[in-house]
Amino acid sequence: MLKPNDDYGGHGVYVGARLHDAAWENALTTALAGDYVVEEAIEPRAEEFPVSTILNGQFQPMFVDTNPFLFSGNVCGAMVRLSNSPIVNVPYGSGEIGFFLIEDKA
């Protein structure tokens, strides 16, 4: 995956596995001419999450992206996004949810 170094919202991102050879070659040319970051692309897994509406609640599979906040080497929170699509990005329809840590006191 190629991502611009200074952009956001999925702009200018190239996912190699989803491009045909000529499009990937064009993406490489674009990236080499600018400031891009190379990331290993992973397929997000769908997990069951409770989804509630005014009338009812149910569990449904959703793709999740968890981004922890680290301060002085410690995890102090996280931003979590959920989506019906494997492209877990807010401009593509994802939403942000709360992050909870549940500890077993036993």
PDB file of N, CA and C in Angstrom:
ATOM      1  N   MET A   1       0.852  -1.147   0.000  1.00  0.00           N
ATOM      2  CA  MET A   1       0.000   0.000   0.000  1.00  0.00           C
ATOM      3  C   MET A   1       0.912   1.227   0.000  1.00  0.00           C
ATOM      4  N   LEU A   2       0.546   2.212  -0.812  1.00  0.00           N
ATOM      5  CA  LEU A   2       1.271   3.477  -0.871  1.00  0.00           C
ATOM      6  C   LEU A   2       0.347   4.583  -0.400  1.00  0.00           C
ATOM      7  N   LYS A   3       0.852   5.418   0.539  1.00  0.00           N
ATOM      8  CA  LYS A   3       0.045   6.509   1.093  1.00  0.00           C
ATOM      9  C   LYS A   3       0.862   7.795   1.066  1.00  0.00           C
ATOM     10  N   PRO A   4       0.236   8.916   0.685  1.00  0.00           N
ATOM     11  CA  PRO A   4       0.963  10.183   0.747  1.00  0.00           C
ATOM     12  C   PRO A   4       1.376  10.493   2.185  1.00  0.00           C
ATOM     13  N   ASN A   5       2.552  11.058   2.342  1.00  0.00           N
ATOM     14  CA  ASN A   5       3.078  11.373   3.665  1.00  0.00           C
ATOM     15  C   ASN A   5       2.275  12.449   4.384  1.00  0.00           C
ATOM     16  N   ASP A   6       1.622  13.338   3.646  1.00  0.00           N
ATOM     17  CA  ASP A   6       1.003  14.504   4.273  1.00  0.00           C
ATOM     18  C   ASP A   6      -0.447  14.715   3.839  1.00  0.00           C
ATOM     19  N   ASP A   7      -1.199  13.649   3.714  1.00  0.00           N
ATOM     20  CA  ASP A   7      -2.608  13.767   3.342  1.00  0.00           C
ATOM     21  C   ASP A   7      -3.443  12.948   4.312  1.00  0.00           C
ATOM     22  N   TYR A   8      -4.736  12.979   4.151  1.00  0.00           N
ATOM     23  CA  TYR A   8      -5.638  12.279   5.062  1.00  0.00           C
ATOM     24  C   TYR A   8      -6.909  11.899   4.304  1.00  0.00           C
ATOM     25  N   GLY A   9      -7.760  11.131   4.953  1.00  0.00           N
ATOM     26  CA  GLY A   9      -9.059  10.793   4.380  1.00  0.00           C
ATOM     27  C   GLY A   9      -9.011   9.824   3.218  1.00  0.00           C
ATOM     28  N   GLY A  10      -7.921   9.103   3.055  1.00  0.00           N
ATOM     29  CA  GLY A  10      -7.827   8.132   1.970  1.00  0.00           C
ATOM     30  C   GLY A  10      -7.437   8.725   0.632  1.00  0.00           C
ATOM     31  N   HIS A  11      -7.128  10.027   0.590  1.00  0.00           N
ATOM     32  CA  HIS A  11      -6.735  10.662  -0.673  1.00  0.00           C
ATOM     33  C   HIS A  11      -5.368  10.158  -1.120  1.00  0.00           C
ATOM     34  N   GLY A  12      -5.251   9.781  -2.363  1.00  0.00           N
ATOM     35  CA  GLY A  12      -3.968   9.385  -2.916  1.00  0.00           C
ATOM     36  C   GLY A  12      -3.444   8.050  -2.454  1.00  0.00           C
ATOM     37  N   VAL A  13      -4.280   7.229  -1.833  1.00  0.00           N
ATOM     38  CA  VAL A  13      -3.838   5.919  -1.353  1.00  0.00           C
ATOM     39  C   VAL A  13      -3.986   4.895  -2.481  1.00  0.00           C
ATOM     40  N   TYR A  14      -2.962   4.087  -2.654  1.00  0.00           N
ATOM     41  CA  TYR A  14      -2.973   3.024  -3.652  1.00  0.00           C
ATOM     42  C   TYR A  14      -2.830   1.684  -2.939  1.00  0.00           C
ATOM     43  N   VAL A  15      -3.793   0.805  -3.138  1.00  0.00           N
ATOM     44  CA  VAL A  15      -3.753  -0.537  -2.564  1.00  0.00           C
ATOM     45  C   VAL A  15      -3.379  -1.489  -3.689  1.00  0.00           C
ATOM     46  N   GLY A  16      -2.131  -1.931  -3.666  1.00  0.00           N
ATOM     47  CA  GLY A  16      -1.593  -2.734  -4.759  1.00  0.00           C
ATOM     48  C   GLY A  16      -2.410  -3.965  -5.100  1.00  0.00           C
ATOM     49  N   ALA A  17      -2.917  -4.647  -4.093  1.00  0.00           N
ATOM     50  CA  ALA A  17      -3.686  -5.882  -4.335  1.00  0.00           C
ATOM     51  C   ALA A  17      -4.987  -5.619  -5.089  1.00  0.00           C
ATOM     52  N   ARG A  18      -5.434  -4.370  -5.107  1.00  0.00           N
ATOM     53  CA  ARG A  18      -6.699  -4.041  -5.777  1.00  0.00           C
ATOM     54  C   ARG A  18      -6.490  -3.356  -7.126  1.00  0.00           C
ATOM     55  N   LEU A  19      -5.236  -3.268  -7.590  1.00  0.00           N
ATOM     56  CA  LEU A  19      -4.927  -2.599  -8.855  1.00  0.00           C
ATOM     57  C   LEU A  19      -4.392  -3.595  -9.865  1.00  0.00           C
ATOM     58  N   HIS A  20      -4.689  -3.349 -11.135  1.00  0.00           N
ATOM     59  CA  HIS A  20      -4.073  -4.180 -12.178  1.00  0.00           C
ATOM     60  C   HIS A  20      -2.640  -3.679 -12.387  1.00  0.00           C
ATOM     61  N   ASP A  21      -1.835  -4.428 -13.107  1.00  0.00           N
ATOM     62  CA  ASP A  21      -0.401  -4.158 -13.207  1.00  0.00           C
ATOM     63  C   ASP A  21      -0.084  -2.741 -13.682  1.00  0.00           C
ATOM     64  N   ALA A  22      -0.764  -2.265 -14.723  1.00  0.00           N
ATOM     65  CA  ALA A  22      -0.472  -0.933 -15.270  1.00  0.00           C
ATOM     66  C   ALA A  22      -0.803   0.159 -14.245  1.00  0.00           C
ATOM     67  N   ALA A  23      -1.904   0.008 -13.528  1.00  0.00           N
ATOM     68  CA  ALA A  23      -2.280   0.999 -12.515  1.00  0.00           C
ATOM     69  C   ALA A  23      -1.271   0.998 -11.371  1.00  0.00           C
ATOM     70  N   TRP A  24      -0.766  -0.190 -10.986  1.00  0.00           N
ATOM     71  CA  TRP A  24       0.238  -0.266  -9.923  1.00  0.00           C
ATOM     72  C   TRP A  24       1.542   0.399 -10.369  1.00  0.00           C
ATOM     73  N   GLU A  25       1.937   0.184 -11.608  1.00  0.00           N
ATOM     74  CA  GLU A  25       3.141   0.840 -12.139  1.00  0.00           C
ATOM     75  C   GLU A  25       2.988   2.357 -12.101  1.00  0.00           C
ATOM     76  N   ASN A  26       1.805   2.864 -12.465  1.00  0.00           N
ATOM     77  CA  ASN A  26       1.542   4.306 -12.389  1.00  0.00           C
ATOM     78  C   ASN A  26       1.606   4.798 -10.945  1.00  0.00           C
ATOM     79  N   ALA A  27       1.071   4.005 -10.014  1.00  0.00           N
ATOM     80  CA  ALA A  27       1.107   4.372  -8.600  1.00  0.00           C
ATOM     81  C   ALA A  27       2.555   4.452  -8.104  1.00  0.00           C
ATOM     82  N   LEU A  28       3.391   3.493  -8.505  1.00  0.00           N
ATOM     83  CA  LEU A  28       4.802   3.508  -8.109  1.00  0.00           C
ATOM     84  C   LEU A  28       5.515   4.742  -8.657  1.00  0.00           C
ATOM     85  N   THR A  29       5.228   5.087  -9.908  1.00  0.00           N
ATOM     86  CA  THR A  29       5.829   6.283 -10.513  1.00  0.00           C
ATOM     87  C   THR A  29       5.415   7.531  -9.748  1.00  0.00           C
ATOM     88  N   THR A  30       4.136   7.625  -9.399  1.00  0.00           N
ATOM     89  CA  THR A  30       3.638   8.769  -8.625  1.00  0.00           C
ATOM     90  C   THR A  30       4.312   8.830  -7.259  1.00  0.00           C
ATOM     91  N   ALA A  31       4.402   7.692  -6.584  1.00  0.00           N
ATOM     92  CA  ALA A  31       4.982   7.653  -5.240  1.00  0.00           C
ATOM     93  C   ALA A  31       6.466   8.017  -5.258  1.00  0.00           C
ATOM     94  N   LEU A  32       7.190   7.541  -6.257  1.00  0.00           N
ATOM     95  CA  LEU A  32       8.623   7.826  -6.324  1.00  0.00           C
ATOM     96  C   LEU A  32       8.899   9.300  -6.629  1.00  0.00           C
ATOM     97  N   ALA A  33       7.926   9.985  -7.212  1.00  0.00           N
ATOM     98  CA  ALA A  33       8.090  11.409  -7.530  1.00  0.00           C
ATOM     99  C   ALA A  33       7.678  12.311  -6.366  1.00  0.00           C
ATOM    100  N   GLY A  34       7.102  11.750  -5.301  1.00  0.00           N
ATOM    101  CA  GLY A  34       6.625  12.556  -4.179  1.00  0.00           C
ATOM    102  C   GLY A  34       7.050  11.966  -2.853  1.00  0.00           C
ATOM    103  N   ASP A  35       6.391  12.421  -1.807  1.00  0.00           N
ATOM    104  CA  ASP A  35       6.658  11.924  -0.453  1.00  0.00           C
ATOM    105  C   ASP A  35       5.570  10.933  -0.063  1.00  0.00           C
ATOM    106  N   TYR A  36       5.849   9.651  -0.231  1.00  0.00           N
ATOM    107  CA  TYR A  36       4.899   8.589   0.057  1.00  0.00           C
ATOM    108  C   TYR A  36       5.457   7.653   1.102  1.00  0.00           C
ATOM    109  N   VAL A  37       4.571   6.980   1.795  1.00  0.00           N
ATOM    110  CA  VAL A  37       4.914   5.975   2.793  1.00  0.00           C
ATOM    111  C   VAL A  37       4.462   4.627   2.257  1.00  0.00           C
ATOM    112  N   VAL A  38       5.271   3.613   2.462  1.00  0.00           N
ATOM    113  CA  VAL A  38       4.918   2.249   2.072  1.00  0.00           C
ATOM    114  C   VAL A  38       4.430   1.527   3.324  1.00  0.00           C
ATOM    115  N   GLU A  39       3.242   0.939   3.254  1.00  0.00           N
ATOM    116  CA  GLU A  39       2.705   0.169   4.375  1.00  0.00           C
ATOM    117  C   GLU A  39       2.350  -1.230   3.905  1.00  0.00           C
ATOM    118  N   GLU A  40       2.543  -2.181   4.791  1.00  0.00           N
ATOM    119  CA  GLU A  40       2.074  -3.524   4.504  1.00  0.00           C
ATOM    120  C   GLU A  40       0.554  -3.522   4.653  1.00  0.00           C
ATOM    121  N   ALA A  41      -0.117  -3.921   3.599  1.00  0.00           N
ATOM    122  CA  ALA A  41      -1.583  -3.960   3.648  1.00  0.00           C
ATOM    123  C   ALA A  41      -2.019  -5.271   4.299  1.00  0.00           C
ATOM    124  N   ILE A  42      -2.956  -5.164   5.204  1.00  0.00           N
ATOM    125  CA  ILE A  42      -3.538  -6.350   5.816  1.00  0.00           C
ATOM    126  C   ILE A  42      -5.042  -6.299   5.588  1.00  0.00           C
ATOM    127  N   GLU A  43      -5.639  -7.439   5.449  1.00  0.00           N
ATOM    128  CA  GLU A  43      -7.091  -7.502   5.299  1.00  0.00           C
ATOM    129  C   GLU A  43      -7.722  -7.419   6.678  1.00  0.00           C
ATOM    130  N   PRO A  44      -8.541  -6.420   6.898  1.00  0.00           N
ATOM    131  CA  PRO A  44      -9.195  -6.345   8.207  1.00  0.00           C
ATOM    132  C   PRO A  44     -10.181  -7.495   8.388  1.00  0.00           C
ATOM    133  N   ARG A  45     -10.314  -7.933   9.623  1.00  0.00           N
ATOM    134  CA  ARG A  45     -11.258  -8.995   9.957  1.00  0.00           C
ATOM    135  C   ARG A  45     -12.561  -8.377  10.408  1.00  0.00           C
ATOM    136  N   ALA A  46     -13.636  -9.017  10.055  1.00  0.00           N
ATOM    137  CA  ALA A  46     -14.932  -8.582  10.575  1.00  0.00           C
ATOM    138  C   ALA A  46     -15.141  -9.214  11.945  1.00  0.00           C
ATOM    139  N   GLU A  47     -15.598  -8.419  12.889  1.00  0.00           N
ATOM    140  CA  GLU A  47     -15.914  -8.860  14.243  1.00  0.00           C
ATOM    141  C   GLU A  47     -17.372  -8.510  14.527  1.00  0.00           C
ATOM    142  N   GLU A  48     -17.986  -9.214  15.451  1.00  0.00           N
ATOM    143  CA  GLU A  48     -19.374  -8.936  15.827  1.00  0.00           C
ATOM    144  C   GLU A  48     -19.430  -7.761  16.805  1.00  0.00           C
ATOM    145  N   PHE A  49     -20.246  -6.769  16.495  1.00  0.00           N
ATOM    146  CA  PHE A  49     -20.437  -5.607  17.359  1.00  0.00           C
ATOM    147  C   PHE A  49     -21.916  -5.377  17.587  1.00  0.00           C
ATOM    148  N   PRO A  50     -22.270  -4.910  18.778  1.00  0.00           N
ATOM    149  CA  PRO A  50     -23.678  -4.565  19.006  1.00  0.00           C
ATOM    150  C   PRO A  50     -24.019  -3.281  18.251  1.00  0.00           C
ATOM    151  N   VAL A  51     -25.109  -3.335  17.520  1.00  0.00           N
ATOM    152  CA  VAL A  51     -25.592  -2.176  16.779  1.00  0.00           C
ATOM    153  C   VAL A  51     -27.001  -1.907  17.264  1.00  0.00           C
ATOM    154  N   SER A  52     -27.253  -0.676  17.675  1.00  0.00           N
ATOM    155  CA  SER A  52     -28.542  -0.345  18.269  1.00  0.00           C
ATOM    156  C   SER A  52     -29.247   0.712  17.435  1.00  0.00           C
ATOM    157  N   THR A  53     -30.540   0.536  17.282  1.00  0.00           N
ATOM    158  CA  THR A  53     -31.390   1.548  16.668  1.00  0.00           C
ATOM    159  C   THR A  53     -32.438   1.935  17.707  1.00  0.00           C
ATOM    160  N   ILE A  54     -33.283   2.856  17.368  1.00  0.00           N
ATOM    161  CA  ILE A  54     -34.336   3.274  18.298  1.00  0.00           C
ATOM    162  C   ILE A  54     -35.257   2.101  18.635  1.00  0.00           C
ATOM    163  N   LEU A  55     -35.492   1.216  17.665  1.00  0.00           N
ATOM    164  CA  LEU A  55     -36.460   0.136  17.866  1.00  0.00           C
ATOM    165  C   LEU A  55     -35.857  -1.160  18.396  1.00  0.00           C
ATOM    166  N   ASN A  56     -34.595  -1.429  18.056  1.00  0.00           N
ATOM    167  CA  ASN A  56     -34.029  -2.707  18.500  1.00  0.00           C
ATOM    168  C   ASN A  56     -32.503  -2.654  18.499  1.00  0.00           C
ATOM    169  N   GLY A  57     -31.927  -3.718  18.983  1.00  0.00           N
ATOM    170  CA  GLY A  57     -30.479  -3.874  18.974  1.00  0.00           C
ATOM    171  C   GLY A  57     -30.132  -5.252  18.478  1.00  0.00           C
ATOM    172  N   GLN A  58     -28.999  -5.376  17.833  1.00  0.00           N
ATOM    173  CA  GLN A  58     -28.571  -6.670  17.318  1.00  0.00           C
ATOM    174  C   GLN A  58     -27.056  -6.644  17.144  1.00  0.00           C
ATOM    175  N   PHE A  59     -26.473  -7.822  16.969  1.00  0.00           N
ATOM    176  CA  PHE A  59     -25.057  -7.915  16.665  1.00  0.00           C
ATOM    177  C   PHE A  59     -24.913  -8.046  15.160  1.00  0.00           C
ATOM    178  N   GLN A  60     -23.909  -7.371  14.598  1.00  0.00           N
ATOM    179  CA  GLN A  60     -23.650  -7.522  13.177  1.00  0.00           C
ATOM    180  C   GLN A  60     -22.140  -7.476  12.934  1.00  0.00           C
ATOM    181  N   PRO A  61     -21.689  -8.176  11.896  1.00  0.00           N
ATOM    182  CA  PRO A  61     -20.251  -8.151  11.601  1.00  0.00           C
ATOM    183  C   PRO A  61     -19.848  -6.795  11.039  1.00  0.00           C
ATOM    184  N   MET A  62     -18.747  -6.258  11.564  1.00  0.00           N
ATOM    185  CA  MET A  62     -18.210  -4.991  11.089  1.00  0.00           C
ATOM    186  C   MET A  62     -16.692  -5.085  11.073  1.00  0.00           C
ATOM    187  N   PHE A  63     -16.082  -4.367  10.138  1.00  0.00           N
ATOM    188  CA  PHE A  63     -14.627  -4.309  10.067  1.00  0.00           C
ATOM    189  C   PHE A  63     -14.148  -3.260  11.064  1.00  0.00           C
ATOM    190  N   VAL A  64     -13.066  -3.562  11.760  1.00  0.00           N
ATOM    191  CA  VAL A  64     -12.588  -2.686  12.830  1.00  0.00           C
ATOM    192  C   VAL A  64     -11.136  -2.282  12.577  1.00  0.00           C
ATOM    193  N   ASP A  65     -10.839  -1.039  12.901  1.00  0.00           N
ATOM    194  CA  ASP A  65      -9.484  -0.507  12.821  1.00  0.00           C
ATOM    195  C   ASP A  65      -9.199   0.185  14.150  1.00  0.00           C
ATOM    196  N   THR A  66      -8.232  -0.321  14.908  1.00  0.00           N
ATOM    197  CA  THR A  66      -7.894   0.231  16.216  1.00  0.00           C
ATOM    198  C   THR A  66      -6.527   0.901  16.134  1.00  0.00           C
ATOM    199  N   ASN A  67      -6.471   2.154  16.569  1.00  0.00           N
ATOM    200  CA  ASN A  67      -5.233   2.929  16.539  1.00  0.00           C
ATOM    201  C   ASN A  67      -4.920   3.407  17.950  1.00  0.00           C
ATOM    202  N   PRO A  68      -3.995   2.733  18.654  1.00  0.00           N
ATOM    203  CA  PRO A  68      -3.702   3.115  20.039  1.00  0.00           C
ATOM    204  C   PRO A  68      -2.921   4.419  20.125  1.00  0.00           C
ATOM    205  N   PHE A  69      -3.146   5.146  21.211  1.00  0.00           N
ATOM    206  CA  PHE A  69      -2.380   6.343  21.541  1.00  0.00           C
ATOM    207  C   PHE A  69      -1.321   5.943  22.553  1.00  0.00           C
ATOM    208  N   LEU A  70      -0.069   6.195  22.233  1.00  0.00           N
ATOM    209  CA  LEU A  70       1.041   5.849  23.119  1.00  0.00           C
ATOM    210  C   LEU A  70       1.673   7.120  23.673  1.00  0.00           C
ATOM    211  N   PHE A  71       1.861   7.152  24.997  1.00  0.00           N
ATOM    212  CA  PHE A  71       2.556   8.238  25.655  1.00  0.00           C
ATOM    213  C   PHE A  71       3.612   7.639  26.555  1.00  0.00           C
ATOM    214  N   SER A  72       4.862   8.009  26.337  1.00  0.00           N
ATOM    215  CA  SER A  72       5.986   7.480  27.126  1.00  0.00           C
ATOM    216  C   SER A  72       5.971   5.955  27.148  1.00  0.00           C
ATOM    217  N   GLY A  73       5.638   5.347  26.025  1.00  0.00           N
ATOM    218  CA  GLY A  73       5.649   3.897  25.915  1.00  0.00           C
ATOM    219  C   GLY A  73       4.449   3.186  26.486  1.00  0.00           C
ATOM    220  N   ASN A  74       3.440   3.916  26.950  1.00  0.00           N
ATOM    221  CA  ASN A  74       2.247   3.302  27.529  1.00  0.00           C
ATOM    222  C   ASN A  74       1.025   3.585  26.674  1.00  0.00           C
ATOM    223  N   VAL A  75       0.176   2.587  26.526  1.00  0.00           N
ATOM    224  CA  VAL A  75      -1.091   2.788  25.825  1.00  0.00           C
ATOM    225  C   VAL A  75      -2.020   3.560  26.752  1.00  0.00           C
ATOM    226  N   CYS A  76      -2.487   4.715  26.280  1.00  0.00           N
ATOM    227  CA  CYS A  76      -3.332   5.577  27.114  1.00  0.00           C
ATOM    228  C   CYS A  76      -4.725   5.761  26.532  1.00  0.00           C
ATOM    229  N   GLY A  77      -5.032   5.079  25.470  1.00  0.00           N
ATOM    230  CA  GLY A  77      -6.333   5.187  24.833  1.00  0.00           C
ATOM    231  C   GLY A  77      -6.222   4.715  23.401  1.00  0.00           C
ATOM    232  N   ALA A  78      -7.285   4.908  22.639  1.00  0.00           N
ATOM    233  CA  ALA A  78      -7.259   4.481  21.245  1.00  0.00           C
ATOM    234  C   ALA A  78      -8.394   5.144  20.477  1.00  0.00           C
ATOM    235  N   MET A  79      -8.181   5.293  19.191  1.00  0.00           N
ATOM    236  CA  MET A  79      -9.242   5.675  18.270  1.00  0.00           C
ATOM    237  C   MET A  79      -9.667   4.384  17.570  1.00  0.00           C
ATOM    238  N   VAL A  80     -10.953   4.120  17.553  1.00  0.00           N
ATOM    239  CA  VAL A  80     -11.456   2.899  16.947  1.00  0.00           C
ATOM    240  C   VAL A  80     -12.482   3.279  15.893  1.00  0.00           C
ATOM    241  N   ARG A  81     -12.319   2.726  14.690  1.00  0.00           N
ATOM    242  CA  ARG A  81     -13.270   2.968  13.609  1.00  0.00           C
ATOM    243  C   ARG A  81     -13.917   1.647  13.215  1.00  0.00           C
ATOM    244  N   LEU A  82     -15.204   1.702  12.888  1.00  0.00           N
ATOM    245  CA  LEU A  82     -15.954   0.540  12.410  1.00  0.00           C
ATOM    246  C   LEU A  82     -16.540   0.848  11.046  1.00  0.00           C
ATOM    247  N   SER A  83     -16.675  -0.192  10.219  1.00  0.00           N
ATOM    248  CA  SER A  83     -17.230  -0.005   8.885  1.00  0.00           C
ATOM    249  C   SER A  83     -17.882  -1.288   8.394  1.00  0.00           C
ATOM    250  N   ASN A  84     -18.853  -1.130   7.519  1.00  0.00           N
ATOM    251  CA  ASN A  84     -19.423  -2.281   6.817  1.00  0.00           C
ATOM    252  C   ASN A  84     -18.516  -2.724   5.678  1.00  0.00           C
ATOM    253  N   SER A  85     -17.552  -1.889   5.309  1.00  0.00           N
ATOM    254  CA  SER A  85     -16.644  -2.127   4.186  1.00  0.00           C
ATOM    255  C   SER A  85     -15.253  -2.434   4.719  1.00  0.00           C
ATOM    256  N   PRO A  86     -14.449  -3.236   4.001  1.00  0.00           N
ATOM    257  CA  PRO A  86     -13.073  -3.472   4.437  1.00  0.00           C
ATOM    258  C   PRO A  86     -12.189  -2.232   4.316  1.00  0.00           C
ATOM    259  N   ILE A  87     -12.671  -1.177   3.636  1.00  0.00           N
ATOM    260  CA  ILE A  87     -11.956   0.102   3.628  1.00  0.00           C
ATOM    261  C   ILE A  87     -12.469   0.882   4.828  1.00  0.00           C
ATOM    262  N   VAL A  88     -11.710   0.828   5.910  1.00  0.00           N
ATOM    263  CA  VAL A  88     -12.152   1.392   7.183  1.00  0.00           C
ATOM    264  C   VAL A  88     -11.597   2.818   7.280  1.00  0.00           C
ATOM    265  N   ASN A  89     -12.339   3.758   6.673  1.00  0.00           N
ATOM    266  CA  ASN A  89     -11.922   5.147   6.603  1.00  0.00           C
ATOM    267  C   ASN A  89     -13.166   6.009   6.673  1.00  0.00           C
ATOM    268  N   VAL A  90     -13.171   7.037   7.507  1.00  0.00           N
ATOM    269  CA  VAL A  90     -14.374   7.848   7.742  1.00  0.00           C
ATOM    270  C   VAL A  90     -14.975   8.402   6.447  1.00  0.00           C
ATOM    271  N   PRO A  91     -14.185   8.960   5.507  1.00  0.00           N
ATOM    272  CA  PRO A  91     -14.811   9.449   4.268  1.00  0.00           C
ATOM    273  C   PRO A  91     -15.486   8.346   3.438  1.00  0.00           C
ATOM    274  N   TYR A  92     -15.134   7.085   3.706  1.00  0.00           N
ATOM    275  CA  TYR A  92     -15.747   5.969   2.990  1.00  0.00           C
ATOM    276  C   TYR A  92     -16.889   5.332   3.785  1.00  0.00           C
ATOM    277  N   GLY A  93     -17.371   6.014   4.814  1.00  0.00           N
ATOM    278  CA  GLY A  93     -18.540   5.534   5.539  1.00  0.00           C
ATOM    279  C   GLY A  93     -18.278   4.932   6.904  1.00  0.00           C
ATOM    280  N   SER A  94     -17.037   4.934   7.361  1.00  0.00           N
ATOM    281  CA  SER A  94     -16.753   4.410   8.696  1.00  0.00           C
ATOM    282  C   SER A  94     -17.248   5.382   9.755  1.00  0.00           C
ATOM    283  N   GLY A  95     -17.383   4.881  10.960  1.00  0.00           N
ATOM    284  CA  GLY A  95     -17.714   5.724  12.093  1.00  0.00           C
ATOM    285  C   GLY A  95     -16.745   5.446  13.221  1.00  0.00           C
ATOM    286  N   GLU A  96     -16.581   6.413  14.099  1.00  0.00           N
ATOM    287  CA  GLU A  96     -15.712   6.232  15.255  1.00  0.00           C
ATOM    288  C   GLU A  96     -16.547   5.814  16.451  1.00  0.00           C
ATOM    289  N   ILE A  97     -15.971   4.930  17.284  1.00  0.00           N
ATOM    290  CA  ILE A  97     -16.670   4.450  18.471  1.00  0.00           C
ATOM    291  C   ILE A  97     -15.762   4.584  19.678  1.00  0.00           C
ATOM    292  N   GLY A  98     -16.325   4.410  20.838  1.00  0.00           N
ATOM    293  CA  GLY A  98     -15.542   4.451  22.080  1.00  0.00           C
ATOM    294  C   GLY A  98     -14.697   3.208  22.230  1.00  0.00           C
ATOM    295  N   PHE A  99     -13.677   3.333  23.027  1.00  0.00           N
ATOM    296  CA  PHE A  99     -12.762   2.241  23.317  1.00  0.00           C
ATOM    297  C   PHE A  99     -12.817   1.972  24.804  1.00  0.00           C
ATOM    298  N   PHE A 100     -13.101   0.743  25.181  1.00  0.00           N
ATOM    299  CA  PHE A 100     -13.216   0.389  26.593  1.00  0.00           C
ATOM    300  C   PHE A 100     -12.261  -0.751  26.912  1.00  0.00           C
ATOM    301  N   LEU A 101     -11.656  -0.673  28.050  1.00  0.00           N
ATOM    302  CA  LEU A 101     -10.818  -1.753  28.557  1.00  0.00           C
ATOM    303  C   LEU A 101     -11.550  -2.375  29.719  1.00  0.00           C
ATOM    304  N   ILE A 102     -11.843  -3.651  29.601  1.00  0.00           N
ATOM    305  CA  ILE A 102     -12.560  -4.367  30.665  1.00  0.00           C
ATOM    306  C   ILE A 102     -11.579  -5.309  31.328  1.00  0.00           C
ATOM    307  N   GLU A 103     -11.354  -5.093  32.622  1.00  0.00           N
ATOM    308  CA  GLU A 103     -10.407  -5.904  33.361  1.00  0.00           C
ATOM    309  C   GLU A 103     -11.147  -6.922  34.202  1.00  0.00           C
ATOM    310  N   ASP A 104     -10.591  -8.124  34.238  1.00  0.00           N
ATOM    311  CA  ASP A 104     -11.141  -9.174  35.073  1.00  0.00           C
ATOM    312  C   ASP A 104     -10.574  -8.994  36.481  1.00  0.00           C
ATOM    313  N   LYS A 105     -11.428  -8.761  37.461  1.00  0.00           N
ATOM    314  CA  LYS A 105     -10.993  -8.519  38.837  1.00  0.00           C
ATOM    315  C   LYS A 105     -10.784  -9.814  39.630  1.00  0.00           C
ATOM    316  N   ALA A 106     -10.955 -10.950  38.980  1.00  0.00           N
ATOM    317  CA  ALA A 106     -10.840 -12.229  39.686  1.00  0.00           C
ATOM    318  C   ALA A 106      -9.431 -12.567  40.063  1.00  0.00           C
TER     319      ALA A 106
END
